[in-house]
């Protein structure tokens, strides 16, 4: 690791006269492929390979594990990658520090969004953002798993729920309103619950959700004084995606507790009916998360501000 710090200390000296090898390395690391990185940068694969090999010689450590099928960061490579992205972001800002909004946003922006938020809210609003920044290349990943920002090369991610990784920097956006719901067909069979006691007396069934199949379901959460308590309702169906969760409710398979952002349109159309409005699950925390770095590029800051504006109407 000391060799890495020594390298950063000499980066502005004669040992390295430009940042091209660092740009090539970060692109290879984030794309997991020399071929894809070379195509993205518009250079030959051999040039990319030579640049990274020379960079490793300058640093004095191996930065990438290479196999015939994959390329991934070493432990030293992960540390180097985090610093390299900081440096490139600083250079990007340096070029435009006096230009403000007069300089168009350029380059690639890689983000990860929860699938349902992406589908119902963010992607429908994207045309305006893309039209405002036509030179920006946006890569959007939609998944409900916890991605690795550094290893997978994300500039920022939108997270629902608590942020447990203390090495990440989170910007809280607010709390998503929740709703309890079921289909009219389901309620016709079981009755409309008016109290928590009705949930058990009428033998209601919950659709169980957890991000990992086989994990203990979250349970039916409700306010209890100044805190929240959980009621374990029966249910034979376990799902691990927001879309399947909603689809199961629409099919009449049980009760759900979901963000109003996702199911609001179904409540408006009557495809789902809200129940027990006084016993909603606790609001869901929403945060924009970046890796452990203090300086963010203009394009990242612009995207984070835009996504905050898009989500504000759904917050408590």
C-alpha atoms as a PDB file:
ATOM      1  CA  UNK A   1       0.000   0.000   0.000  1.00  0.00           C
ATOM      2  CA  UNK A   2       2.917   2.386   0.667  1.00  0.00           C
ATOM      3  CA  UNK A   3       3.856   2.051  -2.999  1.00  0.00           C
ATOM      4  CA  UNK A   4       0.425   3.399  -3.937  1.00  0.00           C
ATOM      5  CA  UNK A   5       0.846   6.482  -1.764  1.00  0.00           C
ATOM      6  CA  UNK A   6       4.317   7.030  -3.240  1.00  0.00           C
ATOM      7  CA  UNK A   7       2.820   6.847  -6.713  1.00  0.00           C
ATOM      8  CA  UNK A   8       0.186   9.492  -5.957  1.00  0.00           C
ATOM      9  CA  UNK A   9       2.908  11.722  -4.599  1.00  0.00           C
ATOM     10  CA  UNK A  10       4.751  11.652  -7.939  1.00  0.00           C
ATOM     11  CA  UNK A  11       1.777  11.741 -10.287  1.00  0.00           C
ATOM     12  CA  UNK A  12       2.357  15.402 -11.178  1.00  0.00           C
ATOM     13  CA  UNK A  13       6.082  14.843 -11.713  1.00  0.00           C
ATOM     14  CA  UNK A  14       8.015  13.461 -14.623  1.00  0.00           C
ATOM     15  CA  UNK A  15       7.007   9.856 -13.961  1.00  0.00           C
ATOM     16  CA  UNK A  16       3.592  10.377 -15.546  1.00  0.00           C
ATOM     17  CA  UNK A  17       2.887  13.263 -17.866  1.00  0.00           C
ATOM     18  CA  UNK A  18      -0.826  12.665 -18.496  1.00  0.00           C
ATOM     19  CA  UNK A  19      -3.835  10.908 -17.044  1.00  0.00           C
ATOM     20  CA  UNK A  20      -4.653   8.659 -19.984  1.00  0.00           C
ATOM     21  CA  UNK A  21      -3.386   5.429 -18.308  1.00  0.00           C
ATOM     22  CA  UNK A  22      -5.519   6.168 -15.234  1.00  0.00           C
ATOM     23  CA  UNK A  23      -8.574   6.807 -17.394  1.00  0.00           C
ATOM     24  CA  UNK A  24      -7.966   3.546 -19.272  1.00  0.00           C
ATOM     25  CA  UNK A  25      -7.495   1.628 -16.014  1.00  0.00           C
ATOM     26  CA  UNK A  26     -10.703   2.962 -14.434  1.00  0.00           C
ATOM     27  CA  UNK A  27     -12.684   2.174 -17.575  1.00  0.00           C
ATOM     28  CA  UNK A  28     -11.320  -1.396 -17.702  1.00  0.00           C
ATOM     29  CA  UNK A  29     -12.033  -1.870 -13.981  1.00  0.00           C
ATOM     30  CA  UNK A  30     -15.606  -0.607 -14.267  1.00  0.00           C
ATOM     31  CA  UNK A  31     -16.449  -2.525 -17.429  1.00  0.00           C
ATOM     32  CA  UNK A  32     -14.629  -5.690 -16.393  1.00  0.00           C
ATOM     33  CA  UNK A  33     -13.161  -6.081 -19.863  1.00  0.00           C
ATOM     34  CA  UNK A  34     -10.258  -4.697 -21.887  1.00  0.00           C
ATOM     35  CA  UNK A  35     -12.236  -5.144 -25.097  1.00  0.00           C
ATOM     36  CA  UNK A  36     -15.320  -3.242 -23.903  1.00  0.00           C
ATOM     37  CA  UNK A  37     -13.176  -0.531 -22.334  1.00  0.00           C
ATOM     38  CA  UNK A  38     -11.179  -0.062 -25.531  1.00  0.00           C
ATOM     39  CA  UNK A  39     -14.376   0.152 -27.590  1.00  0.00           C
ATOM     40  CA  UNK A  40     -15.816   2.690 -25.155  1.00  0.00           C
ATOM     41  CA  UNK A  41     -12.688   4.852 -25.338  1.00  0.00           C
ATOM     42  CA  UNK A  42     -12.231   4.438 -29.090  1.00  0.00           C
ATOM     43  CA  UNK A  43      -8.764   2.865 -28.854  1.00  0.00           C
ATOM     44  CA  UNK A  44      -7.206  -0.474 -29.725  1.00  0.00           C
ATOM     45  CA  UNK A  45      -7.387  -3.270 -27.138  1.00  0.00           C
ATOM     46  CA  UNK A  46      -3.589  -3.643 -27.252  1.00  0.00           C
ATOM     47  CA  UNK A  47      -3.136   0.006 -26.349  1.00  0.00           C
ATOM     48  CA  UNK A  48      -5.446  -0.422 -23.344  1.00  0.00           C
ATOM     49  CA  UNK A  49      -3.597  -3.536 -22.181  1.00  0.00           C
ATOM     50  CA  UNK A  50      -0.191  -1.870 -22.561  1.00  0.00           C
ATOM     51  CA  UNK A  51      -1.317   1.241 -20.678  1.00  0.00           C
ATOM     52  CA  UNK A  52      -2.599  -0.756 -17.697  1.00  0.00           C
ATOM     53  CA  UNK A  53       0.489  -2.968 -17.617  1.00  0.00           C
ATOM     54  CA  UNK A  54       2.733   0.120 -17.628  1.00  0.00           C
ATOM     55  CA  UNK A  55       0.595   1.689 -14.906  1.00  0.00           C
ATOM     56  CA  UNK A  56       1.061  -1.407 -12.739  1.00  0.00           C
ATOM     57  CA  UNK A  57       4.819  -1.160 -13.284  1.00  0.00           C
ATOM     58  CA  UNK A  58       4.780   2.493 -12.228  1.00  0.00           C
ATOM     59  CA  UNK A  59       2.722   1.751  -9.124  1.00  0.00           C
ATOM     60  CA  UNK A  60       4.663  -1.377  -8.262  1.00  0.00           C
ATOM     61  CA  UNK A  61       1.621  -3.572  -7.507  1.00  0.00           C
ATOM     62  CA  UNK A  62      -0.842  -5.661  -9.491  1.00  0.00           C
ATOM     63  CA  UNK A  63      -4.094  -3.743  -9.915  1.00  0.00           C
ATOM     64  CA  UNK A  64      -6.158  -6.280 -11.858  1.00  0.00           C
ATOM     65  CA  UNK A  65      -6.716 -10.019 -11.770  1.00  0.00           C
ATOM     66  CA  UNK A  66      -6.902 -11.197 -15.382  1.00  0.00           C
ATOM     67  CA  UNK A  67      -8.389 -14.453 -16.628  1.00  0.00           C
ATOM     68  CA  UNK A  68      -9.530 -15.515 -20.080  1.00  0.00           C
ATOM     69  CA  UNK A  69     -13.113 -14.705 -19.075  1.00  0.00           C
ATOM     70  CA  UNK A  70     -12.981 -11.802 -16.649  1.00  0.00           C
ATOM     71  CA  UNK A  71     -11.048  -8.878 -15.268  1.00  0.00           C
ATOM     72  CA  UNK A  72     -11.480  -7.814 -11.645  1.00  0.00           C
ATOM     73  CA  UNK A  73      -9.767  -5.532  -9.186  1.00  0.00           C
ATOM     74  CA  UNK A  74      -7.196  -6.751  -6.686  1.00  0.00           C
ATOM     75  CA  UNK A  75      -7.330  -5.362  -3.149  1.00  0.00           C
ATOM     76  CA  UNK A  76      -4.668  -2.817  -4.091  1.00  0.00           C
ATOM     77  CA  UNK A  77      -6.621  -2.181  -7.270  1.00  0.00           C
ATOM     78  CA  UNK A  78      -9.745  -1.315  -5.287  1.00  0.00           C
ATOM     79  CA  UNK A  79      -7.842   1.284  -3.259  1.00  0.00           C
ATOM     80  CA  UNK A  80      -6.213   2.679  -6.398  1.00  0.00           C
ATOM     81  CA  UNK A  81      -9.537   2.770  -8.256  1.00  0.00           C
ATOM     82  CA  UNK A  82     -11.209   4.846  -5.540  1.00  0.00           C
ATOM     83  CA  UNK A  83      -8.397   7.430  -5.642  1.00  0.00           C
ATOM     84  CA  UNK A  84      -8.296   7.374  -9.439  1.00  0.00           C
ATOM     85  CA  UNK A  85     -11.977   8.192  -9.732  1.00  0.00           C
ATOM     86  CA  UNK A  86     -11.508  11.060  -7.283  1.00  0.00           C
ATOM     87  CA  UNK A  87      -8.656  12.411  -9.368  1.00  0.00           C
ATOM     88  CA  UNK A  88     -10.567  12.188 -12.652  1.00  0.00           C
ATOM     89  CA  UNK A  89     -13.574  13.882 -11.070  1.00  0.00           C
ATOM     90  CA  UNK A  90     -11.344  16.704  -9.817  1.00  0.00           C
ATOM     91  CA  UNK A  91      -9.824  17.142 -13.275  1.00  0.00           C
ATOM     92  CA  UNK A  92     -13.312  17.249 -14.794  1.00  0.00           C
ATOM     93  CA  UNK A  93     -14.329  19.948 -12.329  1.00  0.00           C
ATOM     94  CA  UNK A  94     -11.072  21.852 -12.863  1.00  0.00           C
ATOM     95  CA  UNK A  95     -11.768  22.185 -16.581  1.00  0.00           C
ATOM     96  CA  UNK A  96     -15.180  23.706 -15.920  1.00  0.00           C
ATOM     97  CA  UNK A  97     -14.745  25.482 -12.559  1.00  0.00           C
ATOM     98  CA  UNK A  98     -15.183  28.962 -14.075  1.00  0.00           C
ATOM     99  CA  UNK A  99     -17.755  28.007 -16.664  1.00  0.00           C
ATOM    100  CA  UNK A 100     -20.672  27.068 -14.401  1.00  0.00           C
ATOM    101  CA  UNK A 101     -23.734  26.092 -16.362  1.00  0.00           C
ATOM    102  CA  UNK A 102     -22.247  27.405 -19.607  1.00  0.00           C
ATOM    103  CA  UNK A 103     -20.309  24.176 -20.129  1.00  0.00           C
ATOM    104  CA  UNK A 104     -22.429  21.154 -21.063  1.00  0.00           C
ATOM    105  CA  UNK A 105     -22.262  18.030 -18.967  1.00  0.00           C
ATOM    106  CA  UNK A 106     -20.204  15.389 -20.759  1.00  0.00           C
ATOM    107  CA  UNK A 107     -19.005  11.878 -20.131  1.00  0.00           C
ATOM    108  CA  UNK A 108     -20.460   8.712 -18.719  1.00  0.00           C
ATOM    109  CA  UNK A 109     -22.640   8.555 -15.623  1.00  0.00           C
ATOM    110  CA  UNK A 110     -23.323   5.135 -14.129  1.00  0.00           C
ATOM    111  CA  UNK A 111     -26.129   4.809 -11.571  1.00  0.00           C
ATOM    112  CA  UNK A 112     -28.123   2.067  -9.866  1.00  0.00           C
ATOM    113  CA  UNK A 113     -31.801   2.411  -8.973  1.00  0.00           C
ATOM    114  CA  UNK A 114     -34.341   0.168  -7.231  1.00  0.00           C
ATOM    115  CA  UNK A 115     -36.321  -1.555  -9.964  1.00  0.00           C
ATOM    116  CA  UNK A 116     -39.759  -0.237  -9.065  1.00  0.00           C
ATOM    117  CA  UNK A 117     -38.603   3.328  -8.512  1.00  0.00           C
ATOM    118  CA  UNK A 118     -36.804   3.230 -11.852  1.00  0.00           C
ATOM    119  CA  UNK A 119     -39.803   1.815 -13.712  1.00  0.00           C
ATOM    120  CA  UNK A 120     -42.559   3.965 -12.259  1.00  0.00           C
ATOM    121  CA  UNK A 121     -40.875   7.280 -11.540  1.00  0.00           C
ATOM    122  CA  UNK A 122     -37.288   7.874 -12.672  1.00  0.00           C
ATOM    123  CA  UNK A 123     -37.293   6.471 -16.208  1.00  0.00           C
ATOM    124  CA  UNK A 124     -40.572   8.208 -17.193  1.00  0.00           C
ATOM    125  CA  UNK A 125     -38.977  11.511 -16.138  1.00  0.00           C
ATOM    126  CA  UNK A 126     -35.657  10.859 -17.921  1.00  0.00           C
ATOM    127  CA  UNK A 127     -36.535  12.432 -21.295  1.00  0.00           C
ATOM    128  CA  UNK A 128     -36.385  15.931 -19.795  1.00  0.00           C
ATOM    129  CA  UNK A 129     -33.031  15.252 -18.105  1.00  0.00           C
ATOM    130  CA  UNK A 130     -31.505  13.721 -21.237  1.00  0.00           C
ATOM    131  CA  UNK A 131     -32.805  16.571 -23.382  1.00  0.00           C
ATOM    132  CA  UNK A 132     -31.217  19.093 -21.008  1.00  0.00           C
ATOM    133  CA  UNK A 133     -27.861  17.253 -21.165  1.00  0.00           C
ATOM    134  CA  UNK A 134     -27.568  15.763 -24.675  1.00  0.00           C
ATOM    135  CA  UNK A 135     -23.805  15.117 -24.391  1.00  0.00           C
ATOM    136  CA  UNK A 136     -24.164  13.019 -21.257  1.00  0.00           C
ATOM    137  CA  UNK A 137     -24.051   9.212 -21.543  1.00  0.00           C
ATOM    138  CA  UNK A 138     -26.169   7.584 -18.847  1.00  0.00           C
ATOM    139  CA  UNK A 139     -25.899   3.934 -17.786  1.00  0.00           C
ATOM    140  CA  UNK A 140     -28.794   2.858 -15.564  1.00  0.00           C
ATOM    141  CA  UNK A 141     -28.752  -0.375 -13.597  1.00  0.00           C
ATOM    142  CA  UNK A 142     -32.039  -1.488 -12.018  1.00  0.00           C
ATOM    143  CA  UNK A 143     -31.765  -4.030  -9.247  1.00  0.00           C
ATOM    144  CA  UNK A 144     -33.068  -4.613  -5.731  1.00  0.00           C
ATOM    145  CA  UNK A 145     -29.775  -6.069  -4.459  1.00  0.00           C
ATOM    146  CA  UNK A 146     -27.054  -4.079  -2.694  1.00  0.00           C
ATOM    147  CA  UNK A 147     -24.519  -3.292  -5.414  1.00  0.00           C
ATOM    148  CA  UNK A 148     -20.828  -2.645  -4.676  1.00  0.00           C
ATOM    149  CA  UNK A 149     -20.257   0.958  -5.754  1.00  0.00           C
ATOM    150  CA  UNK A 150     -16.478   0.678  -6.107  1.00  0.00           C
ATOM    151  CA  UNK A 151     -16.162  -2.842  -7.512  1.00  0.00           C
ATOM    152  CA  UNK A 152     -18.992  -2.307 -10.012  1.00  0.00           C
ATOM    153  CA  UNK A 153     -18.025   1.251 -10.887  1.00  0.00           C
ATOM    154  CA  UNK A 154     -21.175   3.165  -9.944  1.00  0.00           C
ATOM    155  CA  UNK A 155     -21.047   6.942  -9.597  1.00  0.00           C
ATOM    156  CA  UNK A 156     -24.078   6.965  -7.320  1.00  0.00           C
ATOM    157  CA  UNK A 157     -26.939   4.714  -6.297  1.00  0.00           C
ATOM    158  CA  UNK A 158     -30.406   5.289  -4.909  1.00  0.00           C
ATOM    159  CA  UNK A 159     -31.039   3.202  -1.790  1.00  0.00           C
ATOM    160  CA  UNK A 160     -34.245   2.446   0.075  1.00  0.00           C
ATOM    161  CA  UNK A 161     -33.959   1.677   3.766  1.00  0.00           C
ATOM    162  CA  UNK A 162     -31.047   2.121   6.189  1.00  0.00           C
ATOM    163  CA  UNK A 163     -27.464   2.486   4.952  1.00  0.00           C
ATOM    164  CA  UNK A 164     -25.396  -0.013   6.899  1.00  0.00           C
ATOM    165  CA  UNK A 165     -22.036   0.449   5.156  1.00  0.00           C
ATOM    166  CA  UNK A 166     -20.246   3.193   7.089  1.00  0.00           C
ATOM    167  CA  UNK A 167     -17.627   3.629   4.346  1.00  0.00           C
ATOM    168  CA  UNK A 168     -20.266   5.107   2.028  1.00  0.00           C
ATOM    169  CA  UNK A 169     -21.473   8.691   1.925  1.00  0.00           C
ATOM    170  CA  UNK A 170     -25.280   8.953   2.025  1.00  0.00           C
ATOM    171  CA  UNK A 171     -27.417  11.997   1.299  1.00  0.00           C
ATOM    172  CA  UNK A 172     -30.871  11.429   2.874  1.00  0.00           C
ATOM    173  CA  UNK A 173     -33.659  12.595   0.582  1.00  0.00           C
ATOM    174  CA  UNK A 174     -36.615  11.926   2.835  1.00  0.00           C
ATOM    175  CA  UNK A 175     -39.152   9.237   3.672  1.00  0.00           C
ATOM    176  CA  UNK A 176     -41.390   7.459   1.171  1.00  0.00           C
ATOM    177  CA  UNK A 177     -45.056   7.220   2.128  1.00  0.00           C
ATOM    178  CA  UNK A 178     -46.308   3.651   2.504  1.00  0.00           C
ATOM    179  CA  UNK A 179     -49.741   2.057   2.020  1.00  0.00           C
ATOM    180  CA  UNK A 180     -51.441  -1.229   2.921  1.00  0.00           C
ATOM    181  CA  UNK A 181     -53.332  -2.713  -0.003  1.00  0.00           C
ATOM    182  CA  UNK A 182     -55.109  -5.728  -1.489  1.00  0.00           C
ATOM    183  CA  UNK A 183     -57.132  -6.482  -4.600  1.00  0.00           C
ATOM    184  CA  UNK A 184     -60.932  -6.160  -4.615  1.00  0.00           C
ATOM    185  CA  UNK A 185     -61.221  -9.913  -5.375  1.00  0.00           C
ATOM    186  CA  UNK A 186     -59.109 -10.812  -2.361  1.00  0.00           C
ATOM    187  CA  UNK A 187     -61.118  -8.532  -0.058  1.00  0.00           C
ATOM    188  CA  UNK A 188     -64.370 -10.011  -1.376  1.00  0.00           C
ATOM    189  CA  UNK A 189     -63.181 -13.436  -0.192  1.00  0.00           C
ATOM    190  CA  UNK A 190     -61.735 -12.452   3.183  1.00  0.00           C
ATOM    191  CA  UNK A 191     -63.498  -9.236   4.105  1.00  0.00           C
ATOM    192  CA  UNK A 192     -62.161  -5.719   4.582  1.00  0.00           C
ATOM    193  CA  UNK A 193     -60.145  -5.481   7.831  1.00  0.00           C
ATOM    194  CA  UNK A 194     -60.999  -2.501  10.026  1.00  0.00           C
ATOM    195  CA  UNK A 195     -58.560  -3.268  12.836  1.00  0.00           C
ATOM    196  CA  UNK A 196     -55.413  -5.262  13.565  1.00  0.00           C
ATOM    197  CA  UNK A 197     -57.608  -7.854  15.266  1.00  0.00           C
ATOM    198  CA  UNK A 198     -59.515  -8.320  12.003  1.00  0.00           C
ATOM    199  CA  UNK A 199     -56.297  -9.391  10.276  1.00  0.00           C
ATOM    200  CA  UNK A 200     -56.258 -12.551  12.358  1.00  0.00           C
ATOM    201  CA  UNK A 201     -59.988 -12.941  12.959  1.00  0.00           C
ATOM    202  CA  UNK A 202     -60.737 -12.857   9.219  1.00  0.00           C
ATOM    203  CA  UNK A 203     -57.744 -15.125   8.516  1.00  0.00           C
ATOM    204  CA  UNK A 204     -55.966 -12.723   6.221  1.00  0.00           C
ATOM    205  CA  UNK A 205     -52.829 -13.785   4.383  1.00  0.00           C
ATOM    206  CA  UNK A 206     -49.799 -11.683   3.580  1.00  0.00           C
ATOM    207  CA  UNK A 207     -47.574 -11.847   0.543  1.00  0.00           C
ATOM    208  CA  UNK A 208     -44.134 -12.170   2.099  1.00  0.00           C
ATOM    209  CA  UNK A 209     -41.279 -10.045   0.775  1.00  0.00           C
ATOM    210  CA  UNK A 210     -37.549 -10.270   1.450  1.00  0.00           C
ATOM    211  CA  UNK A 211     -34.612  -9.442  -0.811  1.00  0.00           C
ATOM    212  CA  UNK A 212     -33.194 -12.944  -0.279  1.00  0.00           C
ATOM    213  CA  UNK A 213     -35.462 -15.918  -0.794  1.00  0.00           C
ATOM    214  CA  UNK A 214     -35.329 -18.179   2.231  1.00  0.00           C
ATOM    215  CA  UNK A 215     -34.698 -15.298   4.634  1.00  0.00           C
ATOM    216  CA  UNK A 216     -37.236 -14.583   7.339  1.00  0.00           C
ATOM    217  CA  UNK A 217     -40.072 -12.404   5.951  1.00  0.00           C
ATOM    218  CA  UNK A 218     -40.228  -8.840   7.175  1.00  0.00           C
ATOM    219  CA  UNK A 219     -43.675  -9.335   8.727  1.00  0.00           C
ATOM    220  CA  UNK A 220     -46.694  -7.022   8.862  1.00  0.00           C
ATOM    221  CA  UNK A 221     -45.467  -3.813  10.467  1.00  0.00           C
ATOM    222  CA  UNK A 222     -47.729  -1.321  12.225  1.00  0.00           C
ATOM    223  CA  UNK A 223     -47.353   1.733  14.507  1.00  0.00           C
ATOM    224  CA  UNK A 224     -47.292   0.933  18.213  1.00  0.00           C
ATOM    225  CA  UNK A 225     -47.074   4.058  20.339  1.00  0.00           C
ATOM    226  CA  UNK A 226     -43.854   5.907  19.538  1.00  0.00           C
ATOM    227  CA  UNK A 227     -42.391   2.909  17.711  1.00  0.00           C
ATOM    228  CA  UNK A 228     -43.448   0.066  15.423  1.00  0.00           C
ATOM    229  CA  UNK A 229     -44.339  -3.559  16.057  1.00  0.00           C
ATOM    230  CA  UNK A 230     -44.604  -6.566  13.767  1.00  0.00           C
ATOM    231  CA  UNK A 231     -47.422  -9.025  13.318  1.00  0.00           C
ATOM    232  CA  UNK A 232     -46.600 -12.354  11.696  1.00  0.00           C
ATOM    233  CA  UNK A 233     -49.378 -13.166   9.249  1.00  0.00           C
ATOM    234  CA  UNK A 234     -49.613 -16.481   7.415  1.00  0.00           C
ATOM    235  CA  UNK A 235     -48.891 -16.629   3.719  1.00  0.00           C
ATOM    236  CA  UNK A 236     -47.674 -19.253   1.295  1.00  0.00           C
ATOM    237  CA  UNK A 237     -46.070 -16.919  -1.256  1.00  0.00           C
ATOM    238  CA  UNK A 238     -42.571 -15.446  -0.762  1.00  0.00           C
ATOM    239  CA  UNK A 239     -41.123 -13.022  -3.354  1.00  0.00           C
ATOM    240  CA  UNK A 240     -37.910 -11.022  -3.696  1.00  0.00           C
ATOM    241  CA  UNK A 241     -38.758  -8.286  -6.218  1.00  0.00           C
ATOM    242  CA  UNK A 242     -41.009  -5.255  -5.991  1.00  0.00           C
ATOM    243  CA  UNK A 243     -42.685  -6.009  -9.328  1.00  0.00           C
ATOM    244  CA  UNK A 244     -43.572  -9.562  -8.316  1.00  0.00           C
ATOM    245  CA  UNK A 245     -44.816  -8.280  -4.959  1.00  0.00           C
ATOM    246  CA  UNK A 246     -47.246  -5.908  -6.675  1.00  0.00           C
ATOM    247  CA  UNK A 247     -48.241  -8.470  -9.313  1.00  0.00           C
ATOM    248  CA  UNK A 248     -49.105 -10.984  -6.597  1.00  0.00           C
ATOM    249  CA  UNK A 249     -51.350  -8.444  -4.885  1.00  0.00           C
ATOM    250  CA  UNK A 250     -53.060  -7.606  -8.186  1.00  0.00           C
ATOM    251  CA  UNK A 251     -53.671 -11.336  -8.677  1.00  0.00           C
ATOM    252  CA  UNK A 252     -55.498 -11.488  -5.340  1.00  0.00           C
ATOM    253  CA  UNK A 253     -52.934 -13.602  -3.502  1.00  0.00           C
ATOM    254  CA  UNK A 254     -52.784 -11.542  -0.312  1.00  0.00           C
ATOM    255  CA  UNK A 255     -52.086  -8.265   1.449  1.00  0.00           C
ATOM    256  CA  UNK A 256     -49.051  -6.076   0.806  1.00  0.00           C
ATOM    257  CA  UNK A 257     -47.340  -3.062   2.381  1.00  0.00           C
ATOM    258  CA  UNK A 258     -45.641  -1.034  -0.328  1.00  0.00           C
ATOM    259  CA  UNK A 259     -44.489   2.518  -1.143  1.00  0.00           C
ATOM    260  CA  UNK A 260     -47.265   4.713  -2.481  1.00  0.00           C
ATOM    261  CA  UNK A 261     -44.836   5.693  -5.228  1.00  0.00           C
ATOM    262  CA  UNK A 262     -45.181   2.217  -6.755  1.00  0.00           C
ATOM    263  CA  UNK A 263     -48.811   1.308  -6.130  1.00  0.00           C
ATOM    264  CA  UNK A 264     -50.431   4.735  -6.247  1.00  0.00           C
ATOM    265  CA  UNK A 265     -51.650   4.259  -9.808  1.00  0.00           C
ATOM    266  CA  UNK A 266     -53.300   0.954  -8.876  1.00  0.00           C
ATOM    267  CA  UNK A 267     -55.105   2.601  -5.972  1.00  0.00           C
ATOM    268  CA  UNK A 268     -56.316   5.362  -8.275  1.00  0.00           C
ATOM    269  CA  UNK A 269     -57.599   2.887 -10.862  1.00  0.00           C
ATOM    270  CA  UNK A 270     -59.236   0.605  -8.287  1.00  0.00           C
ATOM    271  CA  UNK A 271     -57.042  -2.379  -9.173  1.00  0.00           C
ATOM    272  CA  UNK A 272     -55.902  -2.277  -5.540  1.00  0.00           C
ATOM    273  CA  UNK A 273     -57.741  -0.980  -2.474  1.00  0.00           C
ATOM    274  CA  UNK A 274     -56.037   0.686   0.478  1.00  0.00           C
ATOM    275  CA  UNK A 275     -56.803  -0.888   3.870  1.00  0.00           C
ATOM    276  CA  UNK A 276     -56.014   0.092   7.459  1.00  0.00           C
ATOM    277  CA  UNK A 277     -54.742   3.609   6.611  1.00  0.00           C
ATOM    278  CA  UNK A 278     -54.069   4.283  10.307  1.00  0.00           C
ATOM    279  CA  UNK A 279     -51.745   1.271  10.521  1.00  0.00           C
ATOM    280  CA  UNK A 280     -49.268   1.871   7.738  1.00  0.00           C
ATOM    281  CA  UNK A 281     -45.746   0.516   7.797  1.00  0.00           C
ATOM    282  CA  UNK A 282     -43.070   3.007   8.835  1.00  0.00           C
ATOM    283  CA  UNK A 283     -42.031   5.329   5.984  1.00  0.00           C
ATOM    284  CA  UNK A 284     -39.106   4.072   3.942  1.00  0.00           C
ATOM    285  CA  UNK A 285     -35.895   6.089   4.093  1.00  0.00           C
ATOM    286  CA  UNK A 286     -34.532   7.146   0.701  1.00  0.00           C
ATOM    287  CA  UNK A 287     -30.886   8.106   0.184  1.00  0.00           C
ATOM    288  CA  UNK A 288     -28.512   8.878  -2.641  1.00  0.00           C
ATOM    289  CA  UNK A 289     -25.240   7.107  -1.945  1.00  0.00           C
ATOM    290  CA  UNK A 290     -21.755   7.666  -3.324  1.00  0.00           C
ATOM    291  CA  UNK A 291     -18.463   5.935  -2.591  1.00  0.00           C
ATOM    292  CA  UNK A 292     -16.079   7.260   0.036  1.00  0.00           C
ATOM    293  CA  UNK A 293     -14.946  10.416  -1.692  1.00  0.00           C
ATOM    294  CA  UNK A 294     -15.610  14.066  -0.919  1.00  0.00           C
ATOM    295  CA  UNK A 295     -15.436  15.560  -4.404  1.00  0.00           C
ATOM    296  CA  UNK A 296     -18.126  14.734  -6.937  1.00  0.00           C
ATOM    297  CA  UNK A 297     -18.094  15.603 -10.632  1.00  0.00           C
ATOM    298  CA  UNK A 298     -20.553  18.139 -12.003  1.00  0.00           C
ATOM    299  CA  UNK A 299     -22.497  15.431 -13.784  1.00  0.00           C
ATOM    300  CA  UNK A 300     -22.953  13.432 -10.573  1.00  0.00           C
ATOM    301  CA  UNK A 301     -24.062  16.511  -8.636  1.00  0.00           C
ATOM    302  CA  UNK A 302     -26.480  17.489 -11.414  1.00  0.00           C
ATOM    303  CA  UNK A 303     -28.019  14.025 -11.534  1.00  0.00           C
ATOM    304  CA  UNK A 304     -28.373  13.844  -7.752  1.00  0.00           C
ATOM    305  CA  UNK A 305     -30.132  17.223  -7.672  1.00  0.00           C
ATOM    306  CA  UNK A 306     -32.462  16.185 -10.491  1.00  0.00           C
ATOM    307  CA  UNK A 307     -33.409  12.853  -8.931  1.00  0.00           C
ATOM    308  CA  UNK A 308     -34.099  14.587  -5.609  1.00  0.00           C
ATOM    309  CA  UNK A 309     -36.517  16.934  -7.386  1.00  0.00           C
ATOM    310  CA  UNK A 310     -38.249  14.020  -9.104  1.00  0.00           C
ATOM    311  CA  UNK A 311     -38.823  12.122  -5.858  1.00  0.00           C
ATOM    312  CA  UNK A 312     -39.831  15.043  -3.625  1.00  0.00           C
ATOM    313  CA  UNK A 313     -43.596  14.786  -4.357  1.00  0.00           C
ATOM    314  CA  UNK A 314     -43.609  11.212  -2.997  1.00  0.00           C
ATOM    315  CA  UNK A 315     -41.907  12.053   0.296  1.00  0.00           C
ATOM    316  CA  UNK A 316     -43.396  12.713   3.689  1.00  0.00           C
END
